[in-house]
Amino acid sequence: MKFIEAEHGDQVYAHPQHADALEQVYALTTHLAASEPGIIHYCIARDGDDPNMFHFFERYTGREAFEAHNKQPVIVKLLTVDGYIDRVEAKLVKAVKPSGQGV
């Protein structure tokens, strides 16, 4: 079976008064992602210079897996109810694959 991977490298900016609450939600989504089918890699990091910015590194088996992840109740609530997020800079990207060559 051949997988077509969908990869995301996103930045999410929290409203300053909600950054800590957003981190709590992301801790939960990271935990849940570990058992979601179709997720190859899911990592969220809080920026060291801007505590309101979160970096996402996500890899899915395909667009369907990405869309299924975003339909999880905690994600839907985050995006439609919570109001923690100021803005998102999202991109579909392609990871650099290792070449197997020594440098």
Protein backbone atom coordinates (compact mmCIF):
# COMPACT_ATOMS: atom_id res chain seq x y z
CA MET A 1 0.00 0.00 0.00
CA LYS A 2 1.44 3.36 -1.01
CA PHE A 3 0.84 6.32 1.28
CA ILE A 4 0.61 9.86 0.04
CA GLU A 5 1.82 11.95 2.91
CA ALA A 6 0.43 15.29 3.96
CA GLU A 7 2.83 17.39 5.99
CA HIS A 8 2.24 20.62 7.81
CA GLY A 9 4.60 23.20 9.25
CA ASP A 10 2.35 25.75 10.91
CA GLN A 11 2.55 28.58 13.36
CA VAL A 12 -0.34 29.33 15.67
CA TYR A 13 -0.51 32.60 17.59
CA ALA A 14 -2.49 32.70 20.82
CA HIS A 15 -4.17 35.72 22.30
CA PRO A 16 -1.69 36.62 25.08
CA GLN A 17 -4.21 36.07 27.88
CA HIS A 18 -4.95 32.55 26.55
CA ALA A 19 -1.46 31.24 25.69
CA ASP A 20 -1.17 29.03 28.78
CA ALA A 21 -4.68 27.61 28.28
CA LEU A 22 -3.84 26.91 24.63
CA GLU A 23 -0.73 25.03 25.71
CA GLN A 24 -2.93 22.83 27.94
CA VAL A 25 -5.20 22.04 24.98
CA TYR A 26 -2.18 21.23 22.82
CA ALA A 27 -0.86 18.88 25.51
CA LEU A 28 -4.17 17.01 25.24
CA THR A 29 -4.21 16.96 21.43
CA THR A 30 -0.62 15.67 21.42
CA HIS A 31 -1.63 12.85 23.75
CA LEU A 32 -4.68 11.97 21.63
CA ALA A 33 -2.72 12.14 18.37
CA ALA A 34 -0.50 9.27 19.55
CA SER A 35 -3.41 6.86 19.03
CA GLU A 36 -5.06 8.41 15.96
CA PRO A 37 -4.79 6.33 12.78
CA GLY A 38 -3.01 8.06 9.95
CA ILE A 39 -0.72 10.24 12.07
CA ILE A 40 2.94 9.57 11.41
CA HIS A 41 4.39 12.47 13.41
CA TYR A 42 2.71 15.11 15.58
CA CYS A 43 4.76 17.62 17.55
CA ILE A 44 3.87 21.03 18.92
CA ALA A 45 6.49 23.35 20.40
CA ARG A 46 6.02 26.66 22.20
CA ASP A 47 8.35 29.34 20.89
CA GLY A 48 11.22 30.30 23.19
CA ASP A 49 11.17 33.98 22.17
CA ASP A 50 7.43 34.56 21.72
CA PRO A 51 5.36 32.69 24.35
CA ASN A 52 2.21 33.33 22.31
CA MET A 53 3.52 31.39 19.29
CA PHE A 54 3.30 27.63 18.83
CA HIS A 55 5.05 25.68 16.08
CA PHE A 56 3.45 22.58 14.59
CA PHE A 57 5.24 19.75 12.85
CA GLU A 58 2.69 17.25 11.59
CA ARG A 59 2.90 14.34 9.19
CA TYR A 60 -0.10 12.29 8.09
CA THR A 61 -0.58 9.33 5.78
CA GLY A 62 -2.70 11.61 3.60
CA ARG A 63 -5.08 14.50 3.48
CA GLU A 64 -7.93 12.32 4.75
CA ALA A 65 -6.03 11.58 7.97
CA PHE A 66 -5.33 15.30 8.43
CA GLU A 67 -8.99 16.13 7.96
CA ALA A 68 -10.07 13.34 10.34
CA HIS A 69 -7.70 14.72 12.98
CA ASN A 70 -9.23 18.17 12.65
CA LYS A 71 -12.72 16.70 13.18
CA GLN A 72 -11.81 15.48 16.68
CA PRO A 73 -14.13 17.12 19.26
CA VAL A 74 -11.29 18.85 21.13
CA ILE A 75 -10.01 20.39 17.87
CA VAL A 76 -13.49 21.48 16.74
CA LYS A 77 -14.10 23.11 20.14
CA LEU A 78 -10.71 24.82 20.02
CA LEU A 79 -11.37 26.24 16.56
CA THR A 80 -15.01 27.23 17.02
CA VAL A 81 -15.65 27.95 20.71
CA ASP A 82 -12.59 28.55 22.88
CA GLY A 83 -11.32 31.79 21.33
CA TYR A 84 -7.71 31.12 22.36
CA ILE A 85 -6.24 31.54 18.88
CA ASP A 86 -5.42 34.94 17.42
CA ARG A 87 -4.24 33.68 14.02
CA VAL A 88 -2.79 30.72 12.17
CA GLU A 89 -0.15 30.64 9.48
CA ALA A 90 -0.64 27.21 7.93
CA LYS A 91 1.18 25.59 5.05
CA LEU A 92 1.10 22.22 3.40
CA VAL A 93 4.80 21.39 3.07
CA LYS A 94 7.02 18.53 1.95
CA ALA A 95 9.63 17.21 4.38
CA VAL A 96 13.26 16.88 3.35
CA LYS A 97 13.99 13.16 3.16
CA PRO A 98 17.37 11.82 4.24
CA SER A 99 19.58 10.93 1.30
CA GLY A 100 21.61 8.20 2.98
CA GLN A 101 24.76 10.04 1.98
CA GLY A 102 27.33 11.04 4.59
CA VAL A 103 28.21 14.71 4.82
